[in-house]
Amino acid sequence: MAMEGIGGVIRKKAEAKPNTRIHSEAHALADEISTHFNERKRFAMYLGVIKRLGVPQARALFAEIKSEGNAQNPRKLFMWLAKRPKK
């Protein structure tokens, strides 16, 4: 029986628990975005943005921000790109 090192124990505790209250594709995307930006408490805000934009457009926007990776603040960039165009 091998003993697990302290690093393994700390790593296991640091891993986020999966959200069990996912009901739709929009919820899943909001959970993914809020977890990626380390803002689990702002799940509802991201869900509202996704519902306003639509899941495909929000997913494309999030993928674009993740792939670039050179933004100073990717959360602010996501919200800025997701805002409604002025009429």
PDB file of N, CA and C in Angstrom:
ATOM      1  N   MET A   1       0.837  -1.168   0.000  1.00  0.00           N
ATOM      2  CA  MET A   1       0.000   0.000   0.000  1.00  0.00           C
ATOM      3  C   MET A   1       0.891   1.243   0.000  1.00  0.00           C
ATOM      4  N   ALA A   2       0.826   2.010  -1.068  1.00  0.00           N
ATOM      5  CA  ALA A   2       1.671   3.193  -1.204  1.00  0.00           C
ATOM      6  C   ALA A   2       0.990   4.404  -0.572  1.00  0.00           C
ATOM      7  N   MET A   3       1.795   5.215   0.088  1.00  0.00           N
ATOM      8  CA  MET A   3       1.246   6.429   0.685  1.00  0.00           C
ATOM      9  C   MET A   3       1.327   7.562  -0.331  1.00  0.00           C
ATOM     10  N   GLU A   4       0.318   8.368  -0.324  1.00  0.00           N
ATOM     11  CA  GLU A   4       0.266   9.498  -1.241  1.00  0.00           C
ATOM     12  C   GLU A   4       0.991  10.687  -0.616  1.00  0.00           C
ATOM     13  N   GLY A   5       1.771  11.379  -1.413  1.00  0.00           N
ATOM     14  CA  GLY A   5       2.512  12.517  -0.905  1.00  0.00           C
ATOM     15  C   GLY A   5       1.610  13.688  -0.581  1.00  0.00           C
ATOM     16  N   ILE A   6       2.139  14.648   0.146  1.00  0.00           N
ATOM     17  CA  ILE A   6       1.364  15.824   0.547  1.00  0.00           C
ATOM     18  C   ILE A   6       0.909  16.634  -0.670  1.00  0.00           C
ATOM     19  N   GLY A   7       1.719  16.630  -1.733  1.00  0.00           N
ATOM     20  CA  GLY A   7       1.331  17.348  -2.955  1.00  0.00           C
ATOM     21  C   GLY A   7       0.073  16.779  -3.562  1.00  0.00           C
ATOM     22  N   GLY A   8      -0.072  15.467  -3.549  1.00  0.00           N
ATOM     23  CA  GLY A   8      -1.269  14.828  -4.093  1.00  0.00           C
ATOM     24  C   GLY A   8      -2.506  15.143  -3.278  1.00  0.00           C
ATOM     25  N   VAL A   9      -2.362  15.196  -1.972  1.00  0.00           N
ATOM     26  CA  VAL A   9      -3.487  15.513  -1.100  1.00  0.00           C
ATOM     27  C   VAL A   9      -3.938  16.945  -1.320  1.00  0.00           C
ATOM     28  N   ILE A  10      -2.991  17.862  -1.394  1.00  0.00           N
ATOM     29  CA  ILE A  10      -3.324  19.269  -1.620  1.00  0.00           C
ATOM     30  C   ILE A  10      -3.972  19.442  -2.986  1.00  0.00           C
ATOM     31  N   ARG A  11      -3.453  18.761  -3.997  1.00  0.00           N
ATOM     32  CA  ARG A  11      -3.993  18.867  -5.351  1.00  0.00           C
ATOM     33  C   ARG A  11      -5.438  18.373  -5.385  1.00  0.00           C
ATOM     34  N   LYS A  12      -5.737  17.277  -4.692  1.00  0.00           N
ATOM     35  CA  LYS A  12      -7.100  16.742  -4.673  1.00  0.00           C
ATOM     36  C   LYS A  12      -8.070  17.711  -4.022  1.00  0.00           C
ATOM     37  N   LYS A  13      -7.639  18.366  -2.940  1.00  0.00           N
ATOM     38  CA  LYS A  13      -8.517  19.316  -2.266  1.00  0.00           C
ATOM     39  C   LYS A  13      -8.712  20.577  -3.091  1.00  0.00           C
ATOM     40  N   ALA A  14      -7.734  20.952  -3.887  1.00  0.00           N
ATOM     41  CA  ALA A  14      -7.810  22.175  -4.668  1.00  0.00           C
ATOM     42  C   ALA A  14      -8.672  22.015  -5.908  1.00  0.00           C
ATOM     43  N   GLU A  15      -8.885  20.782  -6.357  1.00  0.00           N
ATOM     44  CA  GLU A  15      -9.700  20.559  -7.547  1.00  0.00           C
ATOM     45  C   GLU A  15     -11.136  20.965  -7.258  1.00  0.00           C
ATOM     46  N   ALA A  16     -11.748  21.672  -8.197  1.00  0.00           N
ATOM     47  CA  ALA A  16     -13.119  22.129  -8.018  1.00  0.00           C
ATOM     48  C   ALA A  16     -14.093  20.970  -8.198  1.00  0.00           C
ATOM     49  N   LYS A  17     -15.126  20.973  -7.398  1.00  0.00           N
ATOM     50  CA  LYS A  17     -16.160  19.958  -7.530  1.00  0.00           C
ATOM     51  C   LYS A  17     -17.038  20.299  -8.726  1.00  0.00           C
ATOM     52  N   PRO A  18     -17.453  19.317  -9.493  1.00  0.00           N
ATOM     53  CA  PRO A  18     -18.323  19.608 -10.629  1.00  0.00           C
ATOM     54  C   PRO A  18     -19.694  20.075 -10.153  1.00  0.00           C
ATOM     55  N   ASN A  19     -20.292  20.970 -10.896  1.00  0.00           N
ATOM     56  CA  ASN A  19     -21.604  21.506 -10.564  1.00  0.00           C
ATOM     57  C   ASN A  19     -22.659  20.474 -10.949  1.00  0.00           C
ATOM     58  N   THR A  20     -23.456  20.043  -9.991  1.00  0.00           N
ATOM     59  CA  THR A  20     -24.464  19.016 -10.246  1.00  0.00           C
ATOM     60  C   THR A  20     -25.812  19.609 -10.625  1.00  0.00           C
ATOM     61  N   ARG A  21     -25.923  20.904 -10.715  1.00  0.00           N
ATOM     62  CA  ARG A  21     -27.201  21.552 -11.023  1.00  0.00           C
ATOM     63  C   ARG A  21     -27.255  22.067 -12.459  1.00  0.00           C
ATOM     64  N   ILE A  22     -26.619  21.368 -13.352  1.00  0.00           N
ATOM     65  CA  ILE A  22     -26.601  21.753 -14.759  1.00  0.00           C
ATOM     66  C   ILE A  22     -27.856  21.204 -15.428  1.00  0.00           C
ATOM     67  N   HIS A  23     -28.650  22.086 -16.050  1.00  0.00           N
ATOM     68  CA  HIS A  23     -29.913  21.669 -16.640  1.00  0.00           C
ATOM     69  C   HIS A  23     -29.953  21.780 -18.154  1.00  0.00           C
ATOM     70  N   SER A  24     -29.077  22.579 -18.724  1.00  0.00           N
ATOM     71  CA  SER A  24     -29.142  22.802 -20.166  1.00  0.00           C
ATOM     72  C   SER A  24     -27.736  23.091 -20.696  1.00  0.00           C
ATOM     73  N   GLU A  25     -27.672  23.249 -21.996  1.00  0.00           N
ATOM     74  CA  GLU A  25     -26.395  23.587 -22.630  1.00  0.00           C
ATOM     75  C   GLU A  25     -25.913  24.970 -22.187  1.00  0.00           C
ATOM     76  N   ALA A  26     -26.864  25.888 -21.990  1.00  0.00           N
ATOM     77  CA  ALA A  26     -26.508  27.230 -21.520  1.00  0.00           C
ATOM     78  C   ALA A  26     -25.925  27.172 -20.115  1.00  0.00           C
ATOM     79  N   HIS A  27     -26.512  26.346 -19.253  1.00  0.00           N
ATOM     80  CA  HIS A  27     -25.982  26.183 -17.900  1.00  0.00           C
ATOM     81  C   HIS A  27     -24.574  25.594 -17.935  1.00  0.00           C
ATOM     82  N   ALA A  28     -24.372  24.616 -18.802  1.00  0.00           N
ATOM     83  CA  ALA A  28     -23.055  23.985 -18.901  1.00  0.00           C
ATOM     84  C   ALA A  28     -21.999  24.988 -19.352  1.00  0.00           C
ATOM     85  N   LEU A  29     -22.350  25.825 -20.333  1.00  0.00           N
ATOM     86  CA  LEU A  29     -21.407  26.828 -20.815  1.00  0.00           C
ATOM     87  C   LEU A  29     -21.139  27.889 -19.748  1.00  0.00           C
ATOM     88  N   ALA A  30     -22.173  28.325 -19.043  1.00  0.00           N
ATOM     89  CA  ALA A  30     -21.989  29.306 -17.968  1.00  0.00           C
ATOM     90  C   ALA A  30     -21.096  28.739 -16.871  1.00  0.00           C
ATOM     91  N   ASP A  31     -21.259  27.468 -16.562  1.00  0.00           N
ATOM     92  CA  ASP A  31     -20.402  26.821 -15.567  1.00  0.00           C
ATOM     93  C   ASP A  31     -18.961  26.762 -16.057  1.00  0.00           C
ATOM     94  N   GLU A  32     -18.779  26.432 -17.334  1.00  0.00           N
ATOM     95  CA  GLU A  32     -17.427  26.357 -17.904  1.00  0.00           C
ATOM     96  C   GLU A  32     -16.746  27.727 -17.886  1.00  0.00           C
ATOM     97  N   ILE A  33     -17.483  28.764 -18.281  1.00  0.00           N
ATOM     98  CA  ILE A  33     -16.918  30.115 -18.321  1.00  0.00           C
ATOM     99  C   ILE A  33     -16.598  30.610 -16.908  1.00  0.00           C
ATOM    100  N   SER A  34     -17.543  30.456 -15.987  1.00  0.00           N
ATOM    101  CA  SER A  34     -17.308  30.956 -14.626  1.00  0.00           C
ATOM    102  C   SER A  34     -16.166  30.201 -13.949  1.00  0.00           C
ATOM    103  N   THR A  35     -16.017  28.920 -14.249  1.00  0.00           N
ATOM    104  CA  THR A  35     -14.903  28.158 -13.694  1.00  0.00           C
ATOM    105  C   THR A  35     -13.584  28.587 -14.326  1.00  0.00           C
ATOM    106  N   HIS A  36     -13.586  28.804 -15.633  1.00  0.00           N
ATOM    107  CA  HIS A  36     -12.358  29.209 -16.329  1.00  0.00           C
ATOM    108  C   HIS A  36     -11.857  30.564 -15.818  1.00  0.00           C
ATOM    109  N   PHE A  37     -12.780  31.496 -15.605  1.00  0.00           N
ATOM    110  CA  PHE A  37     -12.402  32.822 -15.125  1.00  0.00           C
ATOM    111  C   PHE A  37     -12.282  32.879 -13.600  1.00  0.00           C
ATOM    112  N   ASN A  38     -12.468  31.730 -12.924  1.00  0.00           N
ATOM    113  CA  ASN A  38     -12.376  31.622 -11.473  1.00  0.00           C
ATOM    114  C   ASN A  38     -13.355  32.566 -10.774  1.00  0.00           C
ATOM    115  N   GLU A  39     -14.584  32.618 -11.306  1.00  0.00           N
ATOM    116  CA  GLU A  39     -15.649  33.449 -10.740  1.00  0.00           C
ATOM    117  C   GLU A  39     -16.918  32.612 -10.596  1.00  0.00           C
ATOM    118  N   ARG A  40     -16.863  31.571  -9.788  1.00  0.00           N
ATOM    119  CA  ARG A  40     -18.005  30.661  -9.647  1.00  0.00           C
ATOM    120  C   ARG A  40     -19.238  31.389  -9.100  1.00  0.00           C
ATOM    121  N   LYS A  41     -19.034  32.453  -8.346  1.00  0.00           N
ATOM    122  CA  LYS A  41     -20.171  33.181  -7.774  1.00  0.00           C
ATOM    123  C   LYS A  41     -20.889  34.048  -8.807  1.00  0.00           C
ATOM    124  N   ARG A  42     -20.308  34.217  -9.969  1.00  0.00           N
ATOM    125  CA  ARG A  42     -20.931  35.026 -11.022  1.00  0.00           C
ATOM    126  C   ARG A  42     -21.546  34.160 -12.113  1.00  0.00           C
ATOM    127  N   PHE A  43     -21.914  32.941 -11.767  1.00  0.00           N
ATOM    128  CA  PHE A  43     -22.533  32.011 -12.695  1.00  0.00           C
ATOM    129  C   PHE A  43     -23.776  32.627 -13.344  1.00  0.00           C
ATOM    130  N   ALA A  44     -24.630  33.263 -12.550  1.00  0.00           N
ATOM    131  CA  ALA A  44     -25.879  33.840 -13.058  1.00  0.00           C
ATOM    132  C   ALA A  44     -25.615  34.959 -14.058  1.00  0.00           C
ATOM    133  N   MET A  45     -24.591  35.751 -13.826  1.00  0.00           N
ATOM    134  CA  MET A  45     -24.260  36.826 -14.756  1.00  0.00           C
ATOM    135  C   MET A  45     -23.872  36.251 -16.115  1.00  0.00           C
ATOM    136  N   TYR A  46     -23.014  35.228 -16.101  1.00  0.00           N
ATOM    137  CA  TYR A  46     -22.604  34.606 -17.358  1.00  0.00           C
ATOM    138  C   TYR A  46     -23.775  33.900 -18.029  1.00  0.00           C
ATOM    139  N   LEU A  47     -24.678  33.306 -17.247  1.00  0.00           N
ATOM    140  CA  LEU A  47     -25.855  32.665 -17.810  1.00  0.00           C
ATOM    141  C   LEU A  47     -26.741  33.695 -18.511  1.00  0.00           C
ATOM    142  N   GLY A  48     -26.887  34.874 -17.925  1.00  0.00           N
ATOM    143  CA  GLY A  48     -27.667  35.941 -18.556  1.00  0.00           C
ATOM    144  C   GLY A  48     -27.056  36.388 -19.867  1.00  0.00           C
ATOM    145  N   VAL A  49     -25.746  36.517 -19.907  1.00  0.00           N
ATOM    146  CA  VAL A  49     -25.063  36.908 -21.145  1.00  0.00           C
ATOM    147  C   VAL A  49     -25.266  35.842 -22.217  1.00  0.00           C
ATOM    148  N   ILE A  50     -25.157  34.579 -21.818  1.00  0.00           N
ATOM    149  CA  ILE A  50     -25.315  33.476 -22.773  1.00  0.00           C
ATOM    150  C   ILE A  50     -26.739  33.440 -23.316  1.00  0.00           C
ATOM    151  N   LYS A  51     -27.723  33.653 -22.454  1.00  0.00           N
ATOM    152  CA  LYS A  51     -29.114  33.649 -22.914  1.00  0.00           C
ATOM    153  C   LYS A  51     -29.385  34.808 -23.863  1.00  0.00           C
ATOM    154  N   ARG A  52     -28.744  35.944 -23.626  1.00  0.00           N
ATOM    155  CA  ARG A  52     -28.938  37.103 -24.501  1.00  0.00           C
ATOM    156  C   ARG A  52     -28.272  36.890 -25.851  1.00  0.00           C
ATOM    157  N   LEU A  53     -27.059  36.339 -25.855  1.00  0.00           N
ATOM    158  CA  LEU A  53     -26.311  36.134 -27.101  1.00  0.00           C
ATOM    159  C   LEU A  53     -26.766  34.891 -27.861  1.00  0.00           C
ATOM    160  N   GLY A  54     -27.132  33.864 -27.141  1.00  0.00           N
ATOM    161  CA  GLY A  54     -27.370  32.560 -27.722  1.00  0.00           C
ATOM    162  C   GLY A  54     -26.150  31.689 -27.473  1.00  0.00           C
ATOM    163  N   VAL A  55     -26.394  30.411 -27.282  1.00  0.00           N
ATOM    164  CA  VAL A  55     -25.313  29.491 -26.915  1.00  0.00           C
ATOM    165  C   VAL A  55     -24.225  29.420 -27.990  1.00  0.00           C
ATOM    166  N   PRO A  56     -24.570  29.271 -29.278  1.00  0.00           N
ATOM    167  CA  PRO A  56     -23.494  29.158 -30.285  1.00  0.00           C
ATOM    168  C   PRO A  56     -22.586  30.387 -30.355  1.00  0.00           C
ATOM    169  N   GLN A  57     -23.191  31.569 -30.304  1.00  0.00           N
ATOM    170  CA  GLN A  57     -22.390  32.795 -30.386  1.00  0.00           C
ATOM    171  C   GLN A  57     -21.538  32.977 -29.128  1.00  0.00           C
ATOM    172  N   ALA A  58     -22.105  32.681 -27.957  1.00  0.00           N
ATOM    173  CA  ALA A  58     -21.344  32.806 -26.710  1.00  0.00           C
ATOM    174  C   ALA A  58     -20.202  31.799 -26.671  1.00  0.00           C
ATOM    175  N   ARG A  59     -20.448  30.580 -27.152  1.00  0.00           N
ATOM    176  CA  ARG A  59     -19.397  29.558 -27.179  1.00  0.00           C
ATOM    177  C   ARG A  59     -18.265  29.987 -28.120  1.00  0.00           C
ATOM    178  N   ALA A  60     -18.609  30.553 -29.270  1.00  0.00           N
ATOM    179  CA  ALA A  60     -17.597  31.020 -30.221  1.00  0.00           C
ATOM    180  C   ALA A  60     -16.771  32.162 -29.620  1.00  0.00           C
ATOM    181  N   LEU A  61     -17.438  33.070 -28.942  1.00  0.00           N
ATOM    182  CA  LEU A  61     -16.748  34.196 -28.307  1.00  0.00           C
ATOM    183  C   LEU A  61     -15.800  33.708 -27.219  1.00  0.00           C
ATOM    184  N   PHE A  62     -16.246  32.774 -26.396  1.00  0.00           N
ATOM    185  CA  PHE A  62     -15.411  32.228 -25.327  1.00  0.00           C
ATOM    186  C   PHE A  62     -14.226  31.464 -25.908  1.00  0.00           C
ATOM    187  N   ALA A  63     -14.452  30.699 -26.960  1.00  0.00           N
ATOM    188  CA  ALA A  63     -13.359  29.958 -27.598  1.00  0.00           C
ATOM    189  C   ALA A  63     -12.319  30.897 -28.178  1.00  0.00           C
ATOM    190  N   GLU A  64     -12.778  32.001 -28.756  1.00  0.00           N
ATOM    191  CA  GLU A  64     -11.854  32.995 -29.319  1.00  0.00           C
ATOM    192  C   GLU A  64     -10.985  33.608 -28.228  1.00  0.00           C
ATOM    193  N   ILE A  65     -11.584  33.936 -27.099  1.00  0.00           N
ATOM    194  CA  ILE A  65     -10.829  34.539 -26.000  1.00  0.00           C
ATOM    195  C   ILE A  65      -9.846  33.539 -25.405  1.00  0.00           C
ATOM    196  N   LYS A  66     -10.253  32.281 -25.262  1.00  0.00           N
ATOM    197  CA  LYS A  66      -9.353  31.257 -24.726  1.00  0.00           C
ATOM    198  C   LYS A  66      -8.184  30.996 -25.661  1.00  0.00           C
ATOM    199  N   SER A  67      -8.431  31.010 -26.966  1.00  0.00           N
ATOM    200  CA  SER A  67      -7.367  30.679 -27.907  1.00  0.00           C
ATOM    201  C   SER A  67      -6.328  31.786 -28.032  1.00  0.00           C
ATOM    202  N   GLU A  68      -6.755  33.032 -27.913  1.00  0.00           N
ATOM    203  CA  GLU A  68      -5.796  34.138 -28.034  1.00  0.00           C
ATOM    204  C   GLU A  68      -4.850  34.157 -26.841  1.00  0.00           C
ATOM    205  N   GLY A  69      -5.391  34.206 -25.635  1.00  0.00           N
ATOM    206  CA  GLY A  69      -4.581  34.110 -24.439  1.00  0.00           C
ATOM    207  C   GLY A  69      -3.655  35.270 -24.153  1.00  0.00           C
ATOM    208  N   ASN A  70      -3.703  36.348 -24.928  1.00  0.00           N
ATOM    209  CA  ASN A  70      -2.782  37.460 -24.689  1.00  0.00           C
ATOM    210  C   ASN A  70      -3.489  38.708 -24.162  1.00  0.00           C
ATOM    211  N   ALA A  71      -4.747  38.605 -23.790  1.00  0.00           N
ATOM    212  CA  ALA A  71      -5.473  39.749 -23.244  1.00  0.00           C
ATOM    213  C   ALA A  71      -5.048  39.967 -21.795  1.00  0.00           C
ATOM    214  N   GLN A  72      -4.961  41.233 -21.397  1.00  0.00           N
ATOM    215  CA  GLN A  72      -4.599  41.536 -20.017  1.00  0.00           C
ATOM    216  C   GLN A  72      -5.664  41.029 -19.054  1.00  0.00           C
ATOM    217  N   ASN A  73      -6.929  41.250 -19.383  1.00  0.00           N
ATOM    218  CA  ASN A  73      -8.027  40.803 -18.536  1.00  0.00           C
ATOM    219  C   ASN A  73      -9.076  40.131 -19.424  1.00  0.00           C
ATOM    220  N   PRO A  74      -9.001  38.818 -19.598  1.00  0.00           N
ATOM    221  CA  PRO A  74      -9.922  38.133 -20.502  1.00  0.00           C
ATOM    222  C   PRO A  74     -11.377  38.210 -20.060  1.00  0.00           C
ATOM    223  N   ARG A  75     -11.649  38.323 -18.757  1.00  0.00           N
ATOM    224  CA  ARG A  75     -13.034  38.456 -18.285  1.00  0.00           C
ATOM    225  C   ARG A  75     -13.652  39.744 -18.797  1.00  0.00           C
ATOM    226  N   LYS A  76     -12.923  40.840 -18.680  1.00  0.00           N
ATOM    227  CA  LYS A  76     -13.438  42.124 -19.158  1.00  0.00           C
ATOM    228  C   LYS A  76     -13.586  42.117 -20.670  1.00  0.00           C
ATOM    229  N   LEU A  77     -12.658  41.479 -21.361  1.00  0.00           N
ATOM    230  CA  LEU A  77     -12.750  41.390 -22.817  1.00  0.00           C
ATOM    231  C   LEU A  77     -13.992  40.604 -23.225  1.00  0.00           C
ATOM    232  N   PHE A  78     -14.277  39.504 -22.543  1.00  0.00           N
ATOM    233  CA  PHE A  78     -15.469  38.722 -22.832  1.00  0.00           C
ATOM    234  C   PHE A  78     -16.724  39.568 -22.662  1.00  0.00           C
ATOM    235  N   MET A  79     -16.816  40.284 -21.557  1.00  0.00           N
ATOM    236  CA  MET A  79     -18.006  41.106 -21.305  1.00  0.00           C
ATOM    237  C   MET A  79     -18.100  42.258 -22.294  1.00  0.00           C
ATOM    238  N   TRP A  80     -16.976  42.838 -22.674  1.00  0.00           N
ATOM    239  CA  TRP A  80     -16.992  43.943 -23.629  1.00  0.00           C
ATOM    240  C   TRP A  80     -17.436  43.462 -25.003  1.00  0.00           C
ATOM    241  N   LEU A  81     -16.941  42.322 -25.431  1.00  0.00           N
ATOM    242  CA  LEU A  81     -17.332  41.782 -26.732  1.00  0.00           C
ATOM    243  C   LEU A  81     -18.768  41.274 -26.730  1.00  0.00           C
ATOM    244  N   ALA A  82     -19.296  40.927 -25.568  1.00  0.00           N
ATOM    245  CA  ALA A  82     -20.650  40.386 -25.473  1.00  0.00           C
ATOM    246  C   ALA A  82     -21.712  41.458 -25.332  1.00  0.00           C
ATOM    247  N   LYS A  83     -21.314  42.705 -25.113  1.00  0.00           N
ATOM    248  CA  LYS A  83     -22.331  43.740 -24.900  1.00  0.00           C
ATOM    249  C   LYS A  83     -23.131  43.965 -26.175  1.00  0.00           C
ATOM    250  N   ARG A  84     -24.306  44.478 -25.986  1.00  0.00           N
ATOM    251  CA  ARG A  84     -25.216  44.713 -27.106  1.00  0.00           C
ATOM    252  C   ARG A  84     -24.699  45.834 -27.991  1.00  0.00           C
ATOM    253  N   PRO A  85     -24.835  45.675 -29.294  1.00  0.00           N
ATOM    254  CA  PRO A  85     -24.460  46.793 -30.172  1.00  0.00           C
ATOM    255  C   PRO A  85     -25.450  47.941 -30.018  1.00  0.00           C
ATOM    256  N   LYS A  86     -24.956  49.141 -30.079  1.00  0.00           N
ATOM    257  CA  LYS A  86     -25.836  50.313 -29.933  1.00  0.00           C
ATOM    258  C   LYS A  86     -26.658  50.476 -31.195  1.00  0.00           C
ATOM    259  N   LYS A  87     -27.897  50.898 -30.999  1.00  0.00           N
ATOM    260  CA  LYS A  87     -28.816  51.082 -32.138  1.00  0.00           C
ATOM    261  C   LYS A  87     -28.688  52.446 -32.730  1.00  0.00           C
TER     262      LYS A  87
END
